[in-house]
Amino acid sequence: MPDLTKHNIPVAVINIIEWIRLYYNQPLTVQELAEMFGYNPTYLSSLFKKYTGYPLINYINRTRIAISKNLLINDITLKVRTIGKLCGFQDEKLFMKVFKKIEGITPTQYRDTFSHKHMNR
């Protein structure tokens, strides 16, 4: 994620980033966030990308995947599908698809690769 502390970020963008950080596990759409914060969805997406470098939906997904990576490594008792749901993905296939698109490997491959390294510390 980009370092946002050094830029003159509009309060709306900061508030949305905080909202995503707090409610990543809830269903979040650009439309809902735009309505909640009083913006046109297209304008909000454009504004968000301008200051973060990511389209809003990508930022939501990247936040969810970052949290899922932590769970995959630190709680090997949780099933992959459960982690997906805990991180806000209502559909297991979507979680797998988004994870692989961002990380280049499946959640299971990630767990297999990195949980061993984590245990050997």
PDB file of N, CA and C in Angstrom:
ATOM      1  N   MET A   1       0.836  -1.173   0.000  1.00  0.00           N
ATOM      2  CA  MET A   1       0.000   0.000   0.000  1.00  0.00           C
ATOM      3  C   MET A   1       0.890   1.248   0.000  1.00  0.00           C
ATOM      4  N   PRO A   2       0.432   2.298  -0.660  1.00  0.00           N
ATOM      5  CA  PRO A   2       1.258   3.500  -0.727  1.00  0.00           C
ATOM      6  C   PRO A   2       1.322   4.214   0.619  1.00  0.00           C
ATOM      7  N   ASP A   3       2.409   4.959   0.827  1.00  0.00           N
ATOM      8  CA  ASP A   3       2.554   5.763   2.034  1.00  0.00           C
ATOM      9  C   ASP A   3       1.785   7.058   1.827  1.00  0.00           C
ATOM     10  N   LEU A   4       0.705   7.228   2.550  1.00  0.00           N
ATOM     11  CA  LEU A   4      -0.164   8.378   2.335  1.00  0.00           C
ATOM     12  C   LEU A   4       0.146   9.547   3.264  1.00  0.00           C
ATOM     13  N   THR A   5       1.092   9.397   4.145  1.00  0.00           N
ATOM     14  CA  THR A   5       1.354  10.432   5.139  1.00  0.00           C
ATOM     15  C   THR A   5       2.063  11.652   4.564  1.00  0.00           C
ATOM     16  N   LYS A   6       2.716  11.515   3.427  1.00  0.00           N
ATOM     17  CA  LYS A   6       3.523  12.604   2.888  1.00  0.00           C
ATOM     18  C   LYS A   6       2.777  13.433   1.845  1.00  0.00           C
ATOM     19  N   HIS A   7       1.532  13.103   1.602  1.00  0.00           N
ATOM     20  CA  HIS A   7       0.784  13.771   0.545  1.00  0.00           C
ATOM     21  C   HIS A   7      -0.357  14.585   1.145  1.00  0.00           C
ATOM     22  N   ASN A   8      -0.818  15.526   0.369  1.00  0.00           N
ATOM     23  CA  ASN A   8      -1.964  16.330   0.764  1.00  0.00           C
ATOM     24  C   ASN A   8      -3.232  15.591   0.352  1.00  0.00           C
ATOM     25  N   ILE A   9      -3.621  14.624   1.130  1.00  0.00           N
ATOM     26  CA  ILE A   9      -4.744  13.750   0.796  1.00  0.00           C
ATOM     27  C   ILE A   9      -6.052  14.387   1.255  1.00  0.00           C
ATOM     28  N   PRO A  10      -7.063  14.404   0.380  1.00  0.00           N
ATOM     29  CA  PRO A  10      -8.368  14.914   0.818  1.00  0.00           C
ATOM     30  C   PRO A  10      -8.914  14.085   1.989  1.00  0.00           C
ATOM     31  N   VAL A  11      -9.608  14.753   2.872  1.00  0.00           N
ATOM     32  CA  VAL A  11     -10.175  14.096   4.050  1.00  0.00           C
ATOM     33  C   VAL A  11     -11.076  12.935   3.639  1.00  0.00           C
ATOM     34  N   ALA A  12     -11.823  13.086   2.560  1.00  0.00           N
ATOM     35  CA  ALA A  12     -12.722  12.013   2.112  1.00  0.00           C
ATOM     36  C   ALA A  12     -11.950  10.732   1.827  1.00  0.00           C
ATOM     37  N   VAL A  13     -10.807  10.846   1.182  1.00  0.00           N
ATOM     38  CA  VAL A  13      -9.997   9.666   0.859  1.00  0.00           C
ATOM     39  C   VAL A  13      -9.459   9.040   2.146  1.00  0.00           C
ATOM     40  N   ILE A  14      -8.982   9.857   3.049  1.00  0.00           N
ATOM     41  CA  ILE A  14      -8.481   9.342   4.332  1.00  0.00           C
ATOM     42  C   ILE A  14      -9.599   8.637   5.098  1.00  0.00           C
ATOM     43  N   ASN A  15     -10.784   9.236   5.104  1.00  0.00           N
ATOM     44  CA  ASN A  15     -11.919   8.628   5.801  1.00  0.00           C
ATOM     45  C   ASN A  15     -12.313   7.293   5.184  1.00  0.00           C
ATOM     46  N   ILE A  16     -12.270   7.202   3.878  1.00  0.00           N
ATOM     47  CA  ILE A  16     -12.618   5.947   3.206  1.00  0.00           C
ATOM     48  C   ILE A  16     -11.561   4.884   3.486  1.00  0.00           C
ATOM     49  N   ILE A  17     -10.305   5.258   3.467  1.00  0.00           N
ATOM     50  CA  ILE A  17      -9.233   4.309   3.802  1.00  0.00           C
ATOM     51  C   ILE A  17      -9.445   3.772   5.213  1.00  0.00           C
ATOM     52  N   GLU A  18      -9.769   4.645   6.136  1.00  0.00           N
ATOM     53  CA  GLU A  18     -10.020   4.220   7.520  1.00  0.00           C
ATOM     54  C   GLU A  18     -11.250   3.311   7.589  1.00  0.00           C
ATOM     55  N   TRP A  19     -12.290   3.659   6.841  1.00  0.00           N
ATOM     56  CA  TRP A  19     -13.507   2.838   6.807  1.00  0.00           C
ATOM     57  C   TRP A  19     -13.182   1.433   6.300  1.00  0.00           C
ATOM     58  N   ILE A  20     -12.409   1.360   5.236  1.00  0.00           N
ATOM     59  CA  ILE A  20     -12.011   0.056   4.679  1.00  0.00           C
ATOM     60  C   ILE A  20     -11.186  -0.716   5.707  1.00  0.00           C
ATOM     61  N   ARG A  21     -10.287  -0.050   6.386  1.00  0.00           N
ATOM     62  CA  ARG A  21      -9.456  -0.701   7.401  1.00  0.00           C
ATOM     63  C   ARG A  21     -10.313  -1.299   8.517  1.00  0.00           C
ATOM     64  N   LEU A  22     -11.360  -0.593   8.889  1.00  0.00           N
ATOM     65  CA  LEU A  22     -12.218  -1.056   9.978  1.00  0.00           C
ATOM     66  C   LEU A  22     -13.259  -2.086   9.542  1.00  0.00           C
ATOM     67  N   TYR A  23     -13.762  -1.948   8.320  1.00  0.00           N
ATOM     68  CA  TYR A  23     -14.897  -2.765   7.875  1.00  0.00           C
ATOM     69  C   TYR A  23     -14.588  -3.616   6.645  1.00  0.00           C
ATOM     70  N   TYR A  24     -13.324  -3.978   6.456  1.00  0.00           N
ATOM     71  CA  TYR A  24     -12.914  -4.799   5.314  1.00  0.00           C
ATOM     72  C   TYR A  24     -13.683  -6.111   5.247  1.00  0.00           C
ATOM     73  N   ASN A  25     -14.156  -6.598   6.387  1.00  0.00           N
ATOM     74  CA  ASN A  25     -14.829  -7.896   6.430  1.00  0.00           C
ATOM     75  C   ASN A  25     -16.315  -7.803   6.077  1.00  0.00           C
ATOM     76  N   GLN A  26     -16.802  -6.596   5.850  1.00  0.00           N
ATOM     77  CA  GLN A  26     -18.192  -6.382   5.452  1.00  0.00           C
ATOM     78  C   GLN A  26     -18.276  -6.267   3.931  1.00  0.00           C
ATOM     79  N   PRO A  27     -19.461  -6.497   3.375  1.00  0.00           N
ATOM     80  CA  PRO A  27     -19.604  -6.254   1.931  1.00  0.00           C
ATOM     81  C   PRO A  27     -19.356  -4.765   1.646  1.00  0.00           C
ATOM     82  N   LEU A  28     -18.412  -4.476   0.789  1.00  0.00           N
ATOM     83  CA  LEU A  28     -18.085  -3.096   0.422  1.00  0.00           C
ATOM     84  C   LEU A  28     -18.081  -2.974  -1.092  1.00  0.00           C
ATOM     85  N   THR A  29     -18.827  -2.011  -1.596  1.00  0.00           N
ATOM     86  CA  THR A  29     -18.798  -1.731  -3.029  1.00  0.00           C
ATOM     87  C   THR A  29     -18.519  -0.244  -3.218  1.00  0.00           C
ATOM     88  N   VAL A  30     -18.070   0.097  -4.405  1.00  0.00           N
ATOM     89  CA  VAL A  30     -17.823   1.501  -4.729  1.00  0.00           C
ATOM     90  C   VAL A  30     -19.128   2.278  -4.582  1.00  0.00           C
ATOM     91  N   GLN A  31     -20.215   1.709  -5.087  1.00  0.00           N
ATOM     92  CA  GLN A  31     -21.529   2.358  -5.018  1.00  0.00           C
ATOM     93  C   GLN A  31     -21.924   2.660  -3.564  1.00  0.00           C
ATOM     94  N   GLU A  32     -21.783   1.677  -2.695  1.00  0.00           N
ATOM     95  CA  GLU A  32     -22.156   1.870  -1.285  1.00  0.00           C
ATOM     96  C   GLU A  32     -21.277   2.911  -0.598  1.00  0.00           C
ATOM     97  N   LEU A  33     -19.983   2.848  -0.852  1.00  0.00           N
ATOM     98  CA  LEU A  33     -19.077   3.830  -0.244  1.00  0.00           C
ATOM     99  C   LEU A  33     -19.369   5.231  -0.762  1.00  0.00           C
ATOM    100  N   ALA A  34     -19.660   5.342  -2.054  1.00  0.00           N
ATOM    101  CA  ALA A  34     -19.985   6.646  -2.637  1.00  0.00           C
ATOM    102  C   ALA A  34     -21.243   7.221  -1.986  1.00  0.00           C
ATOM    103  N   GLU A  35     -22.258   6.399  -1.833  1.00  0.00           N
ATOM    104  CA  GLU A  35     -23.494   6.856  -1.189  1.00  0.00           C
ATOM    105  C   GLU A  35     -23.238   7.249   0.263  1.00  0.00           C
ATOM    106  N   MET A  36     -22.484   6.431   0.952  1.00  0.00           N
ATOM    107  CA  MET A  36     -22.203   6.665   2.367  1.00  0.00           C
ATOM    108  C   MET A  36     -21.456   7.982   2.589  1.00  0.00           C
ATOM    109  N   PHE A  37     -20.523   8.286   1.684  1.00  0.00           N
ATOM    110  CA  PHE A  37     -19.696   9.476   1.857  1.00  0.00           C
ATOM    111  C   PHE A  37     -20.159  10.656   0.995  1.00  0.00           C
ATOM    112  N   GLY A  38     -21.286  10.475   0.277  1.00  0.00           N
ATOM    113  CA  GLY A  38     -21.884  11.573  -0.473  1.00  0.00           C
ATOM    114  C   GLY A  38     -21.183  11.947  -1.767  1.00  0.00           C
ATOM    115  N   TYR A  39     -20.704  10.951  -2.499  1.00  0.00           N
ATOM    116  CA  TYR A  39     -20.013  11.202  -3.764  1.00  0.00           C
ATOM    117  C   TYR A  39     -20.636  10.402  -4.891  1.00  0.00           C
ATOM    118  N   ASN A  40     -20.421  10.876  -6.101  1.00  0.00           N
ATOM    119  CA  ASN A  40     -20.743  10.108  -7.294  1.00  0.00           C
ATOM    120  C   ASN A  40     -19.729   8.969  -7.369  1.00  0.00           C
ATOM    121  N   PRO A  41     -20.162   7.734  -7.654  1.00  0.00           N
ATOM    122  CA  PRO A  41     -19.226   6.600  -7.676  1.00  0.00           C
ATOM    123  C   PRO A  41     -18.047   6.779  -8.631  1.00  0.00           C
ATOM    124  N   THR A  42     -18.303   7.319  -9.814  1.00  0.00           N
ATOM    125  CA  THR A  42     -17.232   7.517 -10.793  1.00  0.00           C
ATOM    126  C   THR A  42     -16.223   8.540 -10.283  1.00  0.00           C
ATOM    127  N   TYR A  43     -16.723   9.640  -9.734  1.00  0.00           N
ATOM    128  CA  TYR A  43     -15.837  10.672  -9.195  1.00  0.00           C
ATOM    129  C   TYR A  43     -15.029  10.128  -8.016  1.00  0.00           C
ATOM    130  N   LEU A  44     -15.685   9.400  -7.142  1.00  0.00           N
ATOM    131  CA  LEU A  44     -14.996   8.852  -5.974  1.00  0.00           C
ATOM    132  C   LEU A  44     -13.881   7.901  -6.387  1.00  0.00           C
ATOM    133  N   SER A  45     -14.165   7.038  -7.347  1.00  0.00           N
ATOM    134  CA  SER A  45     -13.137   6.107  -7.837  1.00  0.00           C
ATOM    135  C   SER A  45     -11.951   6.857  -8.412  1.00  0.00           C
ATOM    136  N   SER A  46     -12.240   7.895  -9.185  1.00  0.00           N
ATOM    137  CA  SER A  46     -11.182   8.700  -9.799  1.00  0.00           C
ATOM    138  C   SER A  46     -10.354   9.423  -8.734  1.00  0.00           C
ATOM    139  N   LEU A  47     -11.022  10.020  -7.774  1.00  0.00           N
ATOM    140  CA  LEU A  47     -10.343  10.729  -6.686  1.00  0.00           C
ATOM    141  C   LEU A  47      -9.483   9.769  -5.877  1.00  0.00           C
ATOM    142  N   PHE A  48     -10.023   8.613  -5.570  1.00  0.00           N
ATOM    143  CA  PHE A  48      -9.308   7.626  -4.769  1.00  0.00           C
ATOM    144  C   PHE A  48      -8.051   7.154  -5.492  1.00  0.00           C
ATOM    145  N   LYS A  49      -8.186   6.863  -6.779  1.00  0.00           N
ATOM    146  CA  LYS A  49      -7.032   6.393  -7.556  1.00  0.00           C
ATOM    147  C   LYS A  49      -5.962   7.480  -7.669  1.00  0.00           C
ATOM    148  N   LYS A  50      -6.399   8.707  -7.826  1.00  0.00           N
ATOM    149  CA  LYS A  50      -5.452   9.824  -7.948  1.00  0.00           C
ATOM    150  C   LYS A  50      -4.528   9.895  -6.729  1.00  0.00           C
ATOM    151  N   TYR A  51      -5.063   9.655  -5.554  1.00  0.00           N
ATOM    152  CA  TYR A  51      -4.278   9.821  -4.332  1.00  0.00           C
ATOM    153  C   TYR A  51      -3.670   8.542  -3.779  1.00  0.00           C
ATOM    154  N   THR A  52      -4.177   7.384  -4.181  1.00  0.00           N
ATOM    155  CA  THR A  52      -3.618   6.132  -3.653  1.00  0.00           C
ATOM    156  C   THR A  52      -2.879   5.325  -4.708  1.00  0.00           C
ATOM    157  N   GLY A  53      -3.191   5.600  -5.971  1.00  0.00           N
ATOM    158  CA  GLY A  53      -2.597   4.816  -7.048  1.00  0.00           C
ATOM    159  C   GLY A  53      -3.392   3.567  -7.383  1.00  0.00           C
ATOM    160  N   TYR A  54      -4.470   3.323  -6.647  1.00  0.00           N
ATOM    161  CA  TYR A  54      -5.293   2.133  -6.868  1.00  0.00           C
ATOM    162  C   TYR A  54      -6.748   2.521  -7.093  1.00  0.00           C
ATOM    163  N   PRO A  55      -7.414   1.831  -8.028  1.00  0.00           N
ATOM    164  CA  PRO A  55      -8.871   1.982  -8.079  1.00  0.00           C
ATOM    165  C   PRO A  55      -9.450   1.530  -6.732  1.00  0.00           C
ATOM    166  N   LEU A  56     -10.559   2.095  -6.343  1.00  0.00           N
ATOM    167  CA  LEU A  56     -11.133   1.833  -5.021  1.00  0.00           C
ATOM    168  C   LEU A  56     -11.367   0.345  -4.770  1.00  0.00           C
ATOM    169  N   ILE A  57     -11.942  -0.371  -5.716  1.00  0.00           N
ATOM    170  CA  ILE A  57     -12.209  -1.796  -5.505  1.00  0.00           C
ATOM    171  C   ILE A  57     -10.904  -2.577  -5.353  1.00  0.00           C
ATOM    172  N   ASN A  58      -9.871  -2.174  -6.073  1.00  0.00           N
ATOM    173  CA  ASN A  58      -8.565  -2.836  -5.933  1.00  0.00           C
ATOM    174  C   ASN A  58      -7.981  -2.595  -4.544  1.00  0.00           C
ATOM    175  N   TYR A  59      -8.161  -1.396  -4.027  1.00  0.00           N
ATOM    176  CA  TYR A  59      -7.660  -1.084  -2.687  1.00  0.00           C
ATOM    177  C   TYR A  59      -8.372  -1.939  -1.643  1.00  0.00           C
ATOM    178  N   ILE A  60      -9.684  -2.067  -1.795  1.00  0.00           N
ATOM    179  CA  ILE A  60     -10.457  -2.927  -0.882  1.00  0.00           C
ATOM    180  C   ILE A  60      -9.912  -4.352  -0.945  1.00  0.00           C
ATOM    181  N   ASN A  61      -9.755  -4.865  -2.157  1.00  0.00           N
ATOM    182  CA  ASN A  61      -9.263  -6.239  -2.317  1.00  0.00           C
ATOM    183  C   ASN A  61      -7.844  -6.409  -1.790  1.00  0.00           C
ATOM    184  N   ARG A  62      -6.972  -5.448  -2.027  1.00  0.00           N
ATOM    185  CA  ARG A  62      -5.594  -5.537  -1.528  1.00  0.00           C
ATOM    186  C   ARG A  62      -5.560  -5.520   0.000  1.00  0.00           C
ATOM    187  N   THR A  63      -6.428  -4.728   0.599  1.00  0.00           N
ATOM    188  CA  THR A  63      -6.523  -4.704   2.064  1.00  0.00           C
ATOM    189  C   THR A  63      -6.962  -6.067   2.578  1.00  0.00           C
ATOM    190  N   ARG A  64      -7.982  -6.627   1.959  1.00  0.00           N
ATOM    191  CA  ARG A  64      -8.487  -7.941   2.364  1.00  0.00           C
ATOM    192  C   ARG A  64      -7.431  -9.028   2.184  1.00  0.00           C
ATOM    193  N   ILE A  65      -6.712  -8.980   1.087  1.00  0.00           N
ATOM    194  CA  ILE A  65      -5.687 -10.001   0.827  1.00  0.00           C
ATOM    195  C   ILE A  65      -4.539  -9.868   1.831  1.00  0.00           C
ATOM    196  N   ALA A  66      -4.145  -8.653   2.163  1.00  0.00           N
ATOM    197  CA  ALA A  66      -3.073  -8.457   3.152  1.00  0.00           C
ATOM    198  C   ALA A  66      -3.460  -9.085   4.492  1.00  0.00           C
ATOM    199  N   ILE A  67      -4.698  -8.907   4.888  1.00  0.00           N
ATOM    200  CA  ILE A  67      -5.161  -9.490   6.152  1.00  0.00           C
ATOM    201  C   ILE A  67      -5.250 -11.004   6.036  1.00  0.00           C
ATOM    202  N   SER A  68      -5.715 -11.490   4.890  1.00  0.00           N
ATOM    203  CA  SER A  68      -5.824 -12.948   4.704  1.00  0.00           C
ATOM    204  C   SER A  68      -4.449 -13.610   4.746  1.00  0.00           C
ATOM    205  N   LYS A  69      -3.429 -12.947   4.223  1.00  0.00           N
ATOM    206  CA  LYS A  69      -2.073 -13.509   4.253  1.00  0.00           C
ATOM    207  C   LYS A  69      -1.611 -13.717   5.692  1.00  0.00           C
ATOM    208  N   ASN A  70      -1.897 -12.765   6.532  1.00  0.00           N
ATOM    209  CA  ASN A  70      -1.542 -12.880   7.943  1.00  0.00           C
ATOM    210  C   ASN A  70      -2.263 -14.069   8.586  1.00  0.00           C
ATOM    211  N   LEU A  71      -3.542 -14.223   8.304  1.00  0.00           N
ATOM    212  CA  LEU A  71      -4.306 -15.343   8.862  1.00  0.00           C
ATOM    213  C   LEU A  71      -3.824 -16.683   8.316  1.00  0.00           C
ATOM    214  N   LEU A  72      -3.490 -16.724   7.037  1.00  0.00           N
ATOM    215  CA  LEU A  72      -3.012 -17.973   6.434  1.00  0.00           C
ATOM    216  C   LEU A  72      -1.750 -18.479   7.122  1.00  0.00           C
ATOM    217  N   ILE A  73      -0.888 -17.567   7.490  1.00  0.00           N
ATOM    218  CA  ILE A  73       0.378 -17.946   8.119  1.00  0.00           C
ATOM    219  C   ILE A  73       0.226 -18.184   9.620  1.00  0.00           C
ATOM    220  N   ASN A  74      -0.542 -17.331  10.274  1.00  0.00           N
ATOM    221  CA  ASN A  74      -0.579 -17.353  11.735  1.00  0.00           C
ATOM    222  C   ASN A  74      -1.667 -18.218  12.351  1.00  0.00           C
ATOM    223  N   ASP A  75      -2.636 -18.663  11.561  1.00  0.00           N
ATOM    224  CA  ASP A  75      -3.676 -19.539  12.108  1.00  0.00           C
ATOM    225  C   ASP A  75      -3.942 -20.674  11.126  1.00  0.00           C
ATOM    226  N   ILE A  76      -3.087 -21.682  11.185  1.00  0.00           N
ATOM    227  CA  ILE A  76      -3.195 -22.786  10.224  1.00  0.00           C
ATOM    228  C   ILE A  76      -4.388 -23.693  10.508  1.00  0.00           C
ATOM    229  N   THR A  77      -5.098 -23.452  11.606  1.00  0.00           N
ATOM    230  CA  THR A  77      -6.303 -24.240  11.883  1.00  0.00           C
ATOM    231  C   THR A  77      -7.501 -23.742  11.081  1.00  0.00           C
ATOM    232  N   LEU A  78      -7.448 -22.498  10.617  1.00  0.00           N
ATOM    233  CA  LEU A  78      -8.550 -21.951   9.821  1.00  0.00           C
ATOM    234  C   LEU A  78      -8.495 -22.474   8.396  1.00  0.00           C
ATOM    235  N   LYS A  79      -9.641 -22.863   7.867  1.00  0.00           N
ATOM    236  CA  LYS A  79      -9.716 -23.292   6.470  1.00  0.00           C
ATOM    237  C   LYS A  79      -9.614 -22.065   5.571  1.00  0.00           C
ATOM    238  N   VAL A  80      -9.125 -22.294   4.368  1.00  0.00           N
ATOM    239  CA  VAL A  80      -8.957 -21.202   3.410  1.00  0.00           C
ATOM    240  C   VAL A  80     -10.290 -20.506   3.162  1.00  0.00           C
ATOM    241  N   ARG A  81     -11.355 -21.254   2.979  1.00  0.00           N
ATOM    242  CA  ARG A  81     -12.662 -20.633   2.701  1.00  0.00           C
ATOM    243  C   ARG A  81     -13.121 -19.776   3.879  1.00  0.00           C
ATOM    244  N   THR A  82     -12.809 -20.214   5.097  1.00  0.00           N
ATOM    245  CA  THR A  82     -13.170 -19.442   6.290  1.00  0.00           C
ATOM    246  C   THR A  82     -12.401 -18.131   6.324  1.00  0.00           C
ATOM    247  N   ILE A  83     -11.136 -18.189   5.987  1.00  0.00           N
ATOM    248  CA  ILE A  83     -10.316 -16.972   5.944  1.00  0.00           C
ATOM    249  C   ILE A  83     -10.878 -16.002   4.912  1.00  0.00           C
ATOM    250  N   GLY A  84     -11.254 -16.512   3.752  1.00  0.00           N
ATOM    251  CA  GLY A  84     -11.861 -15.661   2.734  1.00  0.00           C
ATOM    252  C   GLY A  84     -13.083 -14.937   3.270  1.00  0.00           C
ATOM    253  N   LYS A  85     -13.953 -15.664   3.947  1.00  0.00           N
ATOM    254  CA  LYS A  85     -15.167 -15.049   4.513  1.00  0.00           C
ATOM    255  C   LYS A  85     -14.831 -14.050   5.616  1.00  0.00           C
ATOM    256  N   LEU A  86     -13.880 -14.397   6.466  1.00  0.00           N
ATOM    257  CA  LEU A  86     -13.470 -13.478   7.534  1.00  0.00           C
ATOM    258  C   LEU A  86     -12.917 -12.166   6.978  1.00  0.00           C
ATOM    259  N   CYS A  87     -12.369 -12.242   5.772  1.00  0.00           N
ATOM    260  CA  CYS A  87     -11.757 -11.065   5.148  1.00  0.00           C
ATOM    261  C   CYS A  87     -12.704 -10.327   4.207  1.00  0.00           C
ATOM    262  N   GLY A  88     -13.976 -10.734   4.180  1.00  0.00           N
ATOM    263  CA  GLY A  88     -14.963  -9.978   3.415  1.00  0.00           C
ATOM    264  C   GLY A  88     -15.323 -10.539   2.061  1.00  0.00           C
ATOM    265  N   PHE A  89     -14.751 -11.667   1.682  1.00  0.00           N
ATOM    266  CA  PHE A  89     -15.112 -12.289   0.413  1.00  0.00           C
ATOM    267  C   PHE A  89     -16.290 -13.222   0.662  1.00  0.00           C
ATOM    268  N   GLN A  90     -17.419 -12.930   0.058  1.00  0.00           N
ATOM    269  CA  GLN A  90     -18.616 -13.739   0.266  1.00  0.00           C
ATOM    270  C   GLN A  90     -18.549 -15.053  -0.499  1.00  0.00           C
ATOM    271  N   ASP A  91     -17.676 -15.112  -1.493  1.00  0.00           N
ATOM    272  CA  ASP A  91     -17.572 -16.278  -2.360  1.00  0.00           C
ATOM    273  C   ASP A  91     -16.139 -16.806  -2.341  1.00  0.00           C
ATOM    274  N   GLU A  92     -15.984 -18.097  -2.080  1.00  0.00           N
ATOM    275  CA  GLU A  92     -14.647 -18.698  -1.994  1.00  0.00           C
ATOM    276  C   GLU A  92     -13.892 -18.595  -3.319  1.00  0.00           C
ATOM    277  N   LYS A  93     -14.601 -18.792  -4.430  1.00  0.00           N
ATOM    278  CA  LYS A  93     -13.944 -18.723  -5.744  1.00  0.00           C
ATOM    279  C   LYS A  93     -13.412 -17.319  -6.016  1.00  0.00           C
ATOM    280  N   LEU A  94     -14.174 -16.318  -5.624  1.00  0.00           N
ATOM    281  CA  LEU A  94     -13.710 -14.938  -5.814  1.00  0.00           C
ATOM    282  C   LEU A  94     -12.462 -14.679  -4.964  1.00  0.00           C
ATOM    283  N   PHE A  95     -12.462 -15.159  -3.737  1.00  0.00           N
ATOM    284  CA  PHE A  95     -11.287 -15.017  -2.872  1.00  0.00           C
ATOM    285  C   PHE A  95     -10.065 -15.639  -3.535  1.00  0.00           C
ATOM    286  N   MET A  96     -10.220 -16.864  -4.030  1.00  0.00           N
ATOM    287  CA  MET A  96      -9.097 -17.561  -4.678  1.00  0.00           C
ATOM    288  C   MET A  96      -8.607 -16.778  -5.903  1.00  0.00           C
ATOM    289  N   LYS A  97      -9.551 -16.287  -6.699  1.00  0.00           N
ATOM    290  CA  LYS A  97      -9.207 -15.559  -7.924  1.00  0.00           C
ATOM    291  C   LYS A  97      -8.462 -14.257  -7.599  1.00  0.00           C
ATOM    292  N   VAL A  98      -8.993 -13.489  -6.662  1.00  0.00           N
ATOM    293  CA  VAL A  98      -8.371 -12.212  -6.292  1.00  0.00           C
ATOM    294  C   VAL A  98      -7.006 -12.451  -5.651  1.00  0.00           C
ATOM    295  N   PHE A  99      -6.917 -13.441  -4.779  1.00  0.00           N
ATOM    296  CA  PHE A  99      -5.646 -13.752  -4.123  1.00  0.00           C
ATOM    297  C   PHE A  99      -4.587 -14.097  -5.164  1.00  0.00           C
ATOM    298  N   LYS A 100      -4.942 -14.975  -6.095  1.00  0.00           N
ATOM    299  CA  LYS A 100      -3.970 -15.395  -7.111  1.00  0.00           C
ATOM    300  C   LYS A 100      -3.576 -14.228  -8.018  1.00  0.00           C
ATOM    301  N   LYS A 101      -4.538 -13.372  -8.339  1.00  0.00           N
ATOM    302  CA  LYS A 101      -4.235 -12.216  -9.191  1.00  0.00           C
ATOM    303  C   LYS A 101      -3.236 -11.279  -8.503  1.00  0.00           C
ATOM    304  N   ILE A 102      -3.403 -11.067  -7.215  1.00  0.00           N
ATOM    305  CA  ILE A 102      -2.535 -10.142  -6.481  1.00  0.00           C
ATOM    306  C   ILE A 102      -1.207 -10.787  -6.102  1.00  0.00           C
ATOM    307  N   GLU A 103      -1.241 -12.029  -5.636  1.00  0.00           N
ATOM    308  CA  GLU A 103      -0.041 -12.685  -5.107  1.00  0.00           C
ATOM    309  C   GLU A 103       0.669 -13.605  -6.101  1.00  0.00           C
ATOM    310  N   GLY A 104      -0.033 -14.023  -7.153  1.00  0.00           N
ATOM    311  CA  GLY A 104       0.586 -14.903  -8.145  1.00  0.00           C
ATOM    312  C   GLY A 104       0.531 -16.378  -7.785  1.00  0.00           C
ATOM    313  N   ILE A 105       0.009 -16.699  -6.605  1.00  0.00           N
ATOM    314  CA  ILE A 105      -0.165 -18.086  -6.164  1.00  0.00           C
ATOM    315  C   ILE A 105      -1.499 -18.181  -5.413  1.00  0.00           C
ATOM    316  N   THR A 106      -1.964 -19.407  -5.208  1.00  0.00           N
ATOM    317  CA  THR A 106      -3.224 -19.596  -4.486  1.00  0.00           C
ATOM    318  C   THR A 106      -3.010 -19.399  -2.981  1.00  0.00           C
ATOM    319  N   PRO A 107      -4.088 -19.192  -2.237  1.00  0.00           N
ATOM    320  CA  PRO A 107      -3.944 -19.087  -0.783  1.00  0.00           C
ATOM    321  C   PRO A 107      -3.297 -20.330  -0.163  1.00  0.00           C
ATOM    322  N   THR A 108      -3.654 -21.503  -0.655  1.00  0.00           N
ATOM    323  CA  THR A 108      -3.070 -22.742  -0.126  1.00  0.00           C
ATOM    324  C   THR A 108      -1.574 -22.799  -0.406  1.00  0.00           C
ATOM    325  N   GLN A 109      -1.165 -22.429  -1.612  1.00  0.00           N
ATOM    326  CA  GLN A 109       0.261 -22.402  -1.944  1.00  0.00           C
ATOM    327  C   GLN A 109       0.989 -21.384  -1.063  1.00  0.00           C
ATOM    328  N   TYR A 110       0.351 -20.245  -0.837  1.00  0.00           N
ATOM    329  CA  TYR A 110       0.946 -19.223   0.026  1.00  0.00           C
ATOM    330  C   TYR A 110       1.153 -19.778   1.431  1.00  0.00           C
ATOM    331  N   ARG A 111       0.117 -20.402   1.956  1.00  0.00           N
ATOM    332  CA  ARG A 111       0.207 -20.981   3.305  1.00  0.00           C
ATOM    333  C   ARG A 111       1.310 -22.029   3.370  1.00  0.00           C
ATOM    334  N   ASP A 112       1.333 -22.925   2.388  1.00  0.00           N
ATOM    335  CA  ASP A 112       2.342 -23.990   2.375  1.00  0.00           C
ATOM    336  C   ASP A 112       3.756 -23.422   2.313  1.00  0.00           C
ATOM    337  N   THR A 113       3.935 -22.391   1.518  1.00  0.00           N
ATOM    338  CA  THR A 113       5.257 -21.792   1.341  1.00  0.00           C
ATOM    339  C   THR A 113       5.697 -20.994   2.561  1.00  0.00           C
ATOM    340  N   PHE A 114       4.822 -20.144   3.061  1.00  0.00           N
ATOM    341  CA  PHE A 114       5.243 -19.179   4.074  1.00  0.00           C
ATOM    342  C   PHE A 114       4.990 -19.607   5.510  1.00  0.00           C
ATOM    343  N   SER A 115       4.074 -20.524   5.754  1.00  0.00           N
ATOM    344  CA  SER A 115       3.869 -20.946   7.144  1.00  0.00           C
ATOM    345  C   SER A 115       5.066 -21.751   7.631  1.00  0.00           C
ATOM    346  N   HIS A 116       5.728 -22.482   6.731  1.00  0.00           N
ATOM    347  CA  HIS A 116       6.938 -23.224   7.107  1.00  0.00           C
ATOM    348  C   HIS A 116       8.067 -22.259   7.465  1.00  0.00           C
ATOM    349  N   LYS A 117       8.219 -21.209   6.678  1.00  0.00           N
ATOM    350  CA  LYS A 117       9.257 -20.214   6.962  1.00  0.00           C
ATOM    351  C   LYS A 117       8.967 -19.515   8.281  1.00  0.00           C
ATOM    352  N   HIS A 118       7.686 -19.235   8.511  1.00  0.00           N
ATOM    353  CA  HIS A 118       7.278 -18.550   9.737  1.00  0.00           C
ATOM    354  C   HIS A 118       7.561 -19.425  10.962  1.00  0.00           C
ATOM    355  N   MET A 119       7.311 -20.723  10.843  1.00  0.00           N
ATOM    356  CA  MET A 119       7.529 -21.647  11.960  1.00  0.00           C
ATOM    357  C   MET A 119       9.010 -21.837  12.273  1.00  0.00           C
ATOM    358  N   ASN A 120       9.858 -21.700  11.268  1.00  0.00           N
ATOM    359  CA  ASN A 120      11.289 -21.946  11.445  1.00  0.00           C
ATOM    360  C   ASN A 120      12.044 -20.743  12.011  1.00  0.00           C
ATOM    361  N   ARG A 121      11.353 -19.693  12.358  1.00  0.00           N
ATOM    362  CA  ARG A 121      12.026 -18.511  12.921  1.00  0.00           C
ATOM    363  C   ARG A 121      12.437 -18.741  14.332  1.00  0.00           C
TER     364      ARG A 121
END
